[in-house]
């Protein structure tokens, strides 16, 4: 058992999950040391707005911070602007890139990942940018002005949100996605098609099922060569093709990794006193037992609460329902629960092209839901759908498909 007066908890990663864990530790009564290590100068912050309000200027970067400066100071953290380069699990020590050594009683990897790089010629040109941090947003901002030409590589959430923000700011935007549909396996084809139609209607030049082969400097910026033989001219290129989880240090310390750092239901790794949470952690679903790794706001938020208890010696299982959203123009997409655990898919067409999709198991229990529509119109139904999933409500496909059935009535 930990002694909260003499022990110290080391949090590797000072982003959303790391910051929320530190907050939760103090809220739950931890009085020992907390070392928070991250290589960004910024205090812990939330990332979703980076591709939306922070990019369009609707929000200042400081508004993304998890807490006010005085609240952060009250946590009495030892903040280290550095990277953890090695962990000695037997000695319970960590080496930092600034040369210092930290001792820990328990360690949390909450270090997320870094943007996946394009493996093509020209990917290292200065006009080729990614978006993961506040610093990235500052680098990208000057390119997002009326009249600028932007090529976005990657038709996932980041790519589509950047395209949406750039169009709002008056850029001309071309988007390149190698897969046959936008947003990959994360959303059903029906929703991907609605998003595709919206982006086309807002002036985005979509290239789907096409891959970039090379990026070359030209007199007026850069030229992107595509696999269909065409080329795109741009002032800048934004690459949004996912992240590479930061597993190397954990793996070198003897921690088991697969698509992320492997943890059990209590977010413990196979190495005593070492835990993982947030984007970097691969954990068993409480619904199906399937191993999941989730890069979502909700996952960082809810795993932080559970892992804080367990870093203090608790034994709390992580059993929150998955949920993520994407804002594109005036529309919103949401996915919650575990659609893959469903055996039946039911589509509920709503007014003016809004749509909800429900996933039920063999006993008609709703195990997942997704939806797309005008935010102002569909937000309420998306919230109810999420509650139906979280409560494990059962309903027949015919009832779910019928727009005359008020979703709220299923909660009773």
Protein backbone atom coordinates (compact mmCIF):
# COMPACT_ATOMS: atom_id res chain seq x y z
CA UNK A 1 0.00 0.00 0.00
CA UNK A 2 1.22 3.50 -0.76
CA UNK A 3 2.17 5.99 1.90
CA UNK A 4 0.72 9.24 0.56
CA UNK A 5 3.07 11.34 2.69
CA UNK A 6 6.36 9.96 1.37
CA UNK A 7 5.52 8.38 -1.97
CA UNK A 8 5.52 10.09 -5.34
CA UNK A 9 3.44 9.33 -8.40
CA UNK A 10 5.06 9.94 -11.77
CA UNK A 11 2.81 10.91 -14.68
CA UNK A 12 4.50 10.56 -18.07
CA UNK A 13 2.61 12.91 -20.38
CA UNK A 14 1.27 16.34 -19.43
CA UNK A 15 -1.69 16.47 -21.79
CA UNK A 16 -5.42 16.03 -21.14
CA UNK A 17 -5.26 12.60 -19.49
CA UNK A 18 -2.13 13.36 -17.47
CA UNK A 19 -3.50 16.67 -16.24
CA UNK A 20 -6.90 15.23 -15.30
CA UNK A 21 -5.19 12.37 -13.44
CA UNK A 22 -3.16 14.83 -11.36
CA UNK A 23 -6.36 16.76 -10.58
CA UNK A 24 -8.18 13.57 -9.60
CA UNK A 25 -5.31 12.38 -7.37
CA UNK A 26 -5.58 15.55 -5.28
CA UNK A 27 -9.38 15.41 -5.30
CA UNK A 28 -9.22 11.83 -3.98
CA UNK A 29 -6.89 12.86 -1.13
CA UNK A 30 -3.39 12.08 -2.41
CA UNK A 31 -0.95 14.22 -0.40
CA UNK A 32 2.32 12.75 -1.71
CA UNK A 33 4.38 14.07 -4.57
CA UNK A 34 3.17 14.24 -8.16
CA UNK A 35 5.75 14.58 -10.93
CA UNK A 36 4.18 15.61 -14.24
CA UNK A 37 6.52 15.22 -17.20
CA UNK A 38 5.72 16.54 -20.68
CA UNK A 39 7.68 18.13 -23.49
CA UNK A 40 5.24 20.98 -24.18
CA UNK A 41 5.68 24.33 -22.41
CA UNK A 42 1.90 24.69 -22.10
CA UNK A 43 0.03 23.52 -19.00
CA UNK A 44 -2.27 20.52 -19.61
CA UNK A 45 -5.00 21.25 -22.17
CA UNK A 46 -7.78 19.66 -24.23
CA UNK A 47 -7.00 18.96 -27.90
CA UNK A 48 -10.40 18.77 -29.71
CA UNK A 49 -10.70 22.54 -30.27
CA UNK A 50 -7.26 22.67 -31.96
CA UNK A 51 -8.83 21.68 -35.29
CA UNK A 52 -11.97 23.76 -34.78
CA UNK A 53 -12.45 26.93 -32.68
CA UNK A 54 -8.75 27.44 -31.95
CA UNK A 55 -7.94 27.16 -35.65
CA UNK A 56 -10.64 29.61 -36.76
CA UNK A 57 -9.73 32.07 -33.99
CA UNK A 58 -13.08 31.65 -32.20
CA UNK A 59 -11.11 30.54 -29.11
CA UNK A 60 -7.73 31.68 -27.78
CA UNK A 61 -5.25 28.86 -27.17
CA UNK A 62 -5.25 29.65 -23.43
CA UNK A 63 -8.98 28.81 -23.34
CA UNK A 64 -8.08 25.17 -24.06
CA UNK A 65 -6.23 24.79 -20.74
CA UNK A 66 -7.75 22.20 -18.38
CA UNK A 67 -7.75 24.59 -15.44
CA UNK A 68 -7.01 28.16 -14.44
CA UNK A 69 -3.38 28.95 -13.45
CA UNK A 70 -4.27 29.26 -9.73
CA UNK A 71 -6.06 25.87 -9.77
CA UNK A 72 -3.01 24.31 -11.40
CA UNK A 73 -0.74 25.89 -8.79
CA UNK A 74 -2.96 24.57 -6.00
CA UNK A 75 -2.23 21.00 -7.14
CA UNK A 76 1.39 21.47 -6.02
CA UNK A 77 2.77 19.47 -8.94
CA UNK A 78 6.43 19.21 -9.83
CA UNK A 79 6.26 20.00 -13.54
CA UNK A 80 9.14 18.94 -15.77
CA UNK A 81 9.33 20.22 -19.36
CA UNK A 82 11.20 17.22 -20.70
CA UNK A 83 10.71 13.71 -22.05
CA UNK A 84 11.09 10.46 -20.12
CA UNK A 85 13.86 8.61 -21.97
CA UNK A 86 14.10 5.43 -19.86
CA UNK A 87 12.36 3.69 -16.95
CA UNK A 88 14.01 1.20 -14.59
CA UNK A 89 11.03 -0.77 -13.30
CA UNK A 90 13.05 -2.69 -10.69
CA UNK A 91 14.56 0.47 -9.15
CA UNK A 92 11.38 2.48 -9.81
CA UNK A 93 13.28 5.34 -11.41
CA UNK A 94 12.88 7.31 -14.62
CA UNK A 95 15.53 9.16 -16.62
CA UNK A 96 14.54 12.48 -18.21
CA UNK A 97 15.90 14.14 -21.36
CA UNK A 98 17.21 17.00 -19.21
CA UNK A 99 19.51 14.60 -17.37
CA UNK A 100 17.58 14.30 -14.11
CA UNK A 101 16.38 11.10 -12.43
CA UNK A 102 12.98 10.75 -10.74
CA UNK A 103 11.93 8.09 -8.21
CA UNK A 104 8.33 6.90 -8.16
CA UNK A 105 6.03 4.69 -6.10
CA UNK A 106 3.67 4.32 -9.08
CA UNK A 107 4.01 5.42 -12.69
CA UNK A 108 1.39 6.31 -15.30
CA UNK A 109 2.05 6.40 -19.02
CA UNK A 110 -0.39 9.00 -20.39
CA UNK A 111 1.89 10.24 -23.13
CA UNK A 112 -0.45 9.79 -26.11
CA UNK A 113 1.45 9.71 -29.36
CA UNK A 114 2.91 11.73 -32.18
CA UNK A 115 1.43 12.43 -35.62
CA UNK A 116 2.07 9.64 -38.12
CA UNK A 117 4.42 10.92 -40.82
CA UNK A 118 3.85 10.56 -44.54
CA UNK A 119 6.40 8.14 -46.01
CA UNK A 120 6.75 9.87 -49.38
CA UNK A 121 9.34 12.21 -50.96
CA UNK A 122 8.85 15.81 -49.87
CA UNK A 123 7.04 14.95 -46.61
CA UNK A 124 9.71 16.93 -44.72
CA UNK A 125 9.20 20.21 -46.61
CA UNK A 126 8.49 23.25 -44.37
CA UNK A 127 5.07 23.70 -45.99
CA UNK A 128 4.00 20.22 -44.83
CA UNK A 129 2.33 20.50 -41.42
CA UNK A 130 0.56 18.36 -38.82
CA UNK A 131 -1.89 19.29 -36.06
CA UNK A 132 -1.49 17.73 -32.63
CA UNK A 133 -0.28 20.51 -30.31
CA UNK A 134 -0.79 24.21 -29.61
CA UNK A 135 2.56 24.85 -31.30
CA UNK A 136 1.28 23.05 -34.41
CA UNK A 137 -1.85 25.25 -34.41
CA UNK A 138 0.32 28.39 -34.26
CA UNK A 139 2.42 27.14 -37.20
CA UNK A 140 -0.68 26.34 -39.23
CA UNK A 141 -2.58 29.59 -38.54
CA UNK A 142 -0.72 31.84 -41.05
CA UNK A 143 -1.63 29.44 -43.88
CA UNK A 144 -5.35 29.62 -43.08
CA UNK A 145 -6.32 32.85 -44.76
CA UNK A 146 -8.75 33.76 -47.53
CA UNK A 147 -7.27 32.89 -50.90
CA UNK A 148 -4.68 30.40 -49.61
CA UNK A 149 -4.67 26.92 -51.17
CA UNK A 150 -4.59 24.00 -48.77
CA UNK A 151 -4.21 20.29 -49.45
CA UNK A 152 -5.35 18.06 -46.59
CA UNK A 153 -4.02 14.49 -46.63
CA UNK A 154 -6.26 12.17 -44.60
CA UNK A 155 -10.05 11.98 -44.54
CA UNK A 156 -10.40 11.11 -40.86
CA UNK A 157 -11.75 13.42 -38.15
CA UNK A 158 -8.71 15.72 -37.96
CA UNK A 159 -8.51 16.09 -41.75
CA UNK A 160 -12.21 16.81 -42.15
CA UNK A 161 -12.28 19.26 -39.22
CA UNK A 162 -9.25 21.12 -40.59
CA UNK A 163 -10.90 21.21 -44.05
CA UNK A 164 -14.09 22.59 -42.47
CA UNK A 165 -12.18 25.27 -40.51
CA UNK A 166 -10.11 26.23 -43.55
CA UNK A 167 -13.22 26.64 -45.73
CA UNK A 168 -14.81 28.85 -43.05
CA UNK A 169 -11.71 31.05 -43.28
CA UNK A 170 -11.94 31.29 -47.07
CA UNK A 171 -9.17 28.89 -48.12
CA UNK A 172 -9.51 26.71 -51.18
CA UNK A 173 -9.25 23.12 -49.95
CA UNK A 174 -8.47 19.81 -51.64
CA UNK A 175 -8.67 16.67 -49.49
CA UNK A 176 -6.98 13.36 -50.34
CA UNK A 177 -8.07 10.06 -48.75
CA UNK A 178 -6.53 6.73 -49.80
CA UNK A 179 -9.38 4.55 -48.48
CA UNK A 180 -12.64 4.10 -50.42
CA UNK A 181 -14.62 6.16 -47.87
CA UNK A 182 -14.07 9.04 -45.46
CA UNK A 183 -13.50 8.37 -41.73
CA UNK A 184 -12.49 4.76 -42.37
CA UNK A 185 -13.95 2.03 -40.20
CA UNK A 186 -14.88 4.48 -37.43
CA UNK A 187 -18.29 5.27 -38.93
CA UNK A 188 -20.82 3.41 -41.11
CA UNK A 189 -20.71 4.06 -44.88
CA UNK A 190 -24.09 5.84 -44.73
CA UNK A 191 -22.73 8.54 -42.39
CA UNK A 192 -19.48 8.81 -44.34
CA UNK A 193 -21.50 9.45 -47.51
CA UNK A 194 -23.51 12.23 -45.81
CA UNK A 195 -20.27 13.87 -44.61
CA UNK A 196 -18.79 13.53 -48.09
CA UNK A 197 -21.83 15.24 -49.65
CA UNK A 198 -21.64 18.08 -47.11
CA UNK A 199 -17.93 18.75 -47.75
CA UNK A 200 -18.49 18.74 -51.52
CA UNK A 201 -21.42 21.16 -51.11
CA UNK A 202 -19.17 23.48 -49.06
CA UNK A 203 -16.57 23.56 -51.83
CA UNK A 204 -14.00 20.96 -50.78
CA UNK A 205 -12.34 19.22 -53.73
CA UNK A 206 -12.41 15.56 -52.60
CA UNK A 207 -10.06 12.88 -53.93
CA UNK A 208 -11.20 9.56 -52.41
CA UNK A 209 -9.48 6.24 -53.09
CA UNK A 210 -6.38 8.17 -54.19
CA UNK A 211 -2.98 8.31 -52.46
CA UNK A 212 -0.28 11.00 -52.45
CA UNK A 213 2.97 9.85 -54.10
CA UNK A 214 5.25 12.87 -53.66
CA UNK A 215 5.31 16.52 -52.65
CA UNK A 216 7.65 18.88 -54.52
CA UNK A 217 8.46 22.58 -54.14
CA UNK A 218 7.32 24.73 -57.09
CA UNK A 219 7.50 28.46 -57.71
CA UNK A 220 4.10 29.15 -56.20
CA UNK A 221 4.26 26.76 -53.21
CA UNK A 222 4.16 22.97 -53.45
CA UNK A 223 2.78 20.38 -55.85
CA UNK A 224 1.26 17.10 -54.64
CA UNK A 225 1.44 14.18 -57.09
CA UNK A 226 -1.41 11.66 -56.71
CA UNK A 227 -1.70 7.97 -57.55
CA UNK A 228 -4.33 8.64 -60.26
CA UNK A 229 -1.79 10.69 -62.23
CA UNK A 230 -3.21 14.09 -61.26
CA UNK A 231 -1.43 16.86 -59.32
CA UNK A 232 -2.63 19.43 -56.81
CA UNK A 233 -1.10 22.88 -56.29
CA UNK A 234 -1.03 24.29 -52.75
CA UNK A 235 0.50 26.88 -50.47
CA UNK A 236 0.57 24.33 -47.63
CA UNK A 237 -0.22 20.66 -46.94
CA UNK A 238 -1.77 19.40 -43.70
CA UNK A 239 -1.19 15.72 -42.92
CA UNK A 240 -3.77 14.05 -40.66
CA UNK A 241 -3.28 10.29 -40.96
CA UNK A 242 -3.45 9.27 -37.31
CA UNK A 243 -0.93 9.03 -34.50
CA UNK A 244 1.85 6.64 -33.55
CA UNK A 245 1.32 5.73 -29.85
CA UNK A 246 4.32 6.53 -27.64
CA UNK A 247 5.09 2.96 -26.55
CA UNK A 248 8.89 2.79 -26.97
CA UNK A 249 9.96 3.77 -23.43
CA UNK A 250 7.36 1.47 -21.85
CA UNK A 251 8.37 -1.43 -24.08
CA UNK A 252 12.06 -0.96 -23.24
CA UNK A 253 11.09 -1.15 -19.54
CA UNK A 254 9.49 -4.60 -20.07
CA UNK A 255 5.90 -3.41 -20.47
CA UNK A 256 3.81 -5.43 -22.94
CA UNK A 257 2.68 -3.45 -25.99
CA UNK A 258 0.59 -4.23 -29.08
CA UNK A 259 -1.28 -1.40 -30.86
CA UNK A 260 -0.74 0.53 -27.62
CA UNK A 261 0.45 -0.16 -24.07
CA UNK A 262 -1.51 -3.22 -22.96
CA UNK A 263 -3.48 -2.83 -19.71
CA UNK A 264 -6.09 -4.81 -17.79
CA UNK A 265 -9.52 -3.55 -16.70
CA UNK A 266 -7.87 -1.55 -13.91
CA UNK A 267 -5.48 0.07 -16.42
CA UNK A 268 -2.49 -1.83 -14.97
CA UNK A 269 0.29 -3.04 -17.23
CA UNK A 270 2.07 -6.40 -16.80
CA UNK A 271 4.81 -4.61 -14.80
CA UNK A 272 4.06 -3.88 -11.12
CA UNK A 273 3.36 -0.22 -10.24
CA UNK A 274 3.11 0.83 -13.90
CA UNK A 275 -0.22 1.92 -15.46
CA UNK A 276 -1.33 3.44 -18.77
CA UNK A 277 -4.34 5.54 -19.78
CA UNK A 278 -5.62 7.78 -22.57
CA UNK A 279 -4.62 7.61 -26.24
CA UNK A 280 -1.63 5.34 -25.57
CA UNK A 281 -3.47 2.59 -23.66
CA UNK A 282 -4.96 -0.56 -25.20
CA UNK A 283 -7.62 -1.90 -22.85
CA UNK A 284 -10.33 -4.61 -22.79
CA UNK A 285 -13.85 -3.42 -23.58
CA UNK A 286 -16.25 -3.92 -20.69
CA UNK A 287 -18.92 -4.92 -23.25
CA UNK A 288 -17.12 -7.51 -25.38
CA UNK A 289 -13.63 -7.92 -23.92
CA UNK A 290 -12.19 -6.84 -27.29
CA UNK A 291 -8.96 -4.87 -26.97
CA UNK A 292 -9.54 -1.19 -27.82
CA UNK A 293 -7.31 1.86 -28.13
CA UNK A 294 -9.22 5.12 -28.26
CA UNK A 295 -8.02 8.58 -29.18
CA UNK A 296 -10.98 10.47 -27.75
CA UNK A 297 -11.67 13.29 -25.33
CA UNK A 298 -14.09 11.10 -23.38
CA UNK A 299 -11.56 8.28 -22.99
CA UNK A 300 -8.87 10.61 -21.62
CA UNK A 301 -11.41 12.18 -19.26
CA UNK A 302 -12.90 8.98 -17.85
CA UNK A 303 -9.76 6.84 -17.68
CA UNK A 304 -8.03 9.60 -15.68
CA UNK A 305 -10.60 9.20 -12.89
CA UNK A 306 -10.22 5.42 -12.73
CA UNK A 307 -6.43 5.34 -12.95
CA UNK A 308 -6.08 8.01 -10.22
CA UNK A 309 -7.92 5.69 -7.78
CA UNK A 310 -5.73 2.76 -8.77
CA UNK A 311 -2.43 4.68 -8.62
CA UNK A 312 -3.36 5.28 -4.96
CA UNK A 313 -3.83 1.54 -4.37
CA UNK A 314 -7.48 1.22 -5.41
CA UNK A 315 -8.95 -1.58 -7.54
CA UNK A 316 -11.51 0.15 -9.74
CA UNK A 317 -12.43 -1.36 -13.14
CA UNK A 318 -12.74 0.92 -16.15
CA UNK A 319 -16.27 0.39 -17.48
CA UNK A 320 -17.23 3.67 -19.16
CA UNK A 321 -18.99 3.59 -22.49
CA UNK A 322 -16.98 4.88 -25.44
CA UNK A 323 -18.13 8.13 -27.05
CA UNK A 324 -16.66 10.54 -29.57
CA UNK A 325 -17.88 13.33 -31.77
CA UNK A 326 -16.70 15.44 -34.68
CA UNK A 327 -17.90 18.96 -35.55
CA UNK A 328 -17.78 19.75 -39.26
CA UNK A 329 -19.25 23.09 -40.36
CA UNK A 330 -22.70 23.31 -38.71
CA UNK A 331 -23.02 19.49 -38.56
CA UNK A 332 -22.05 16.96 -35.94
CA UNK A 333 -21.19 13.28 -36.07
CA UNK A 334 -21.27 11.08 -32.96
CA UNK A 335 -20.45 7.45 -32.28
CA UNK A 336 -21.01 5.83 -28.87
CA UNK A 337 -20.86 2.39 -27.32
CA UNK A 338 -19.43 -0.49 -29.30
CA UNK A 339 -21.08 -0.77 -32.73
CA UNK A 340 -18.91 -3.79 -33.60
CA UNK A 341 -20.60 -5.76 -30.78
CA UNK A 342 -23.99 -5.45 -32.49
CA UNK A 343 -25.51 -8.19 -34.66
CA UNK A 344 -28.25 -5.99 -36.13
CA UNK A 345 -27.98 -2.47 -37.58
CA UNK A 346 -31.06 -0.22 -37.69
CA UNK A 347 -31.16 3.06 -39.61
CA UNK A 348 -33.52 5.80 -38.42
CA UNK A 349 -33.96 8.52 -41.04
CA UNK A 350 -34.88 11.86 -39.46
CA UNK A 351 -35.93 15.18 -40.97
CA UNK A 352 -33.84 16.90 -43.68
CA UNK A 353 -31.19 14.22 -44.03
CA UNK A 354 -30.34 13.78 -40.35
CA UNK A 355 -29.79 10.11 -39.53
CA UNK A 356 -29.31 7.86 -36.49
CA UNK A 357 -27.94 4.32 -36.64
CA UNK A 358 -28.50 1.84 -33.78
CA UNK A 359 -26.59 -1.40 -33.17
CA UNK A 360 -28.34 -4.13 -31.15
CA UNK A 361 -27.20 -7.52 -29.87
CA UNK A 362 -29.05 -10.85 -30.21
CA UNK A 363 -31.39 -9.82 -27.36
CA UNK A 364 -32.26 -6.38 -28.85
CA UNK A 365 -30.06 -4.60 -26.32
CA UNK A 366 -28.67 -1.36 -27.78
CA UNK A 367 -24.87 -1.73 -27.65
CA UNK A 368 -23.94 1.18 -29.91
CA UNK A 369 -25.28 4.19 -31.77
CA UNK A 370 -24.05 6.71 -34.29
CA UNK A 371 -25.57 9.76 -35.89
CA UNK A 372 -25.04 12.66 -38.27
CA UNK A 373 -26.97 15.85 -38.83
CA UNK A 374 -27.32 19.56 -38.37
CA UNK A 375 -25.96 20.14 -34.85
CA UNK A 376 -28.81 22.41 -33.74
CA UNK A 377 -31.37 19.82 -34.84
CA UNK A 378 -29.83 16.46 -33.91
CA UNK A 379 -27.88 17.21 -30.71
CA UNK A 380 -30.79 16.30 -28.41
CA UNK A 381 -31.46 12.95 -30.12
CA UNK A 382 -27.74 12.11 -30.11
CA UNK A 383 -27.67 12.71 -26.35
CA UNK A 384 -30.69 10.43 -25.81
CA UNK A 385 -29.15 7.75 -28.06
CA UNK A 386 -26.01 7.85 -25.95
CA UNK A 387 -28.07 7.45 -22.75
CA UNK A 388 -29.88 4.44 -24.29
CA UNK A 389 -26.49 2.81 -24.92
CA UNK A 390 -25.13 3.63 -21.46
CA UNK A 391 -28.24 2.20 -19.76
CA UNK A 392 -28.27 -0.92 -21.94
CA UNK A 393 -31.89 -0.33 -22.99
CA UNK A 394 -33.52 -2.96 -25.22
CA UNK A 395 -35.75 -2.05 -28.15
CA UNK A 396 -36.83 -3.85 -31.32
CA UNK A 397 -35.36 -2.67 -34.66
CA UNK A 398 -38.86 -1.72 -35.90
CA UNK A 399 -39.35 0.63 -32.92
CA UNK A 400 -35.87 2.16 -33.33
CA UNK A 401 -36.36 2.71 -37.07
CA UNK A 402 -39.68 4.52 -36.68
CA UNK A 403 -39.17 8.33 -36.47
CA UNK A 404 -42.69 8.55 -34.97
CA UNK A 405 -41.37 6.79 -31.86
CA UNK A 406 -40.00 9.42 -29.50
CA UNK A 407 -36.56 8.21 -28.41
CA UNK A 408 -37.13 9.70 -24.99
CA UNK A 409 -40.04 7.29 -24.42
CA UNK A 410 -37.56 4.37 -24.54
CA UNK A 411 -35.78 5.70 -21.45
CA UNK A 412 -38.84 5.17 -19.25
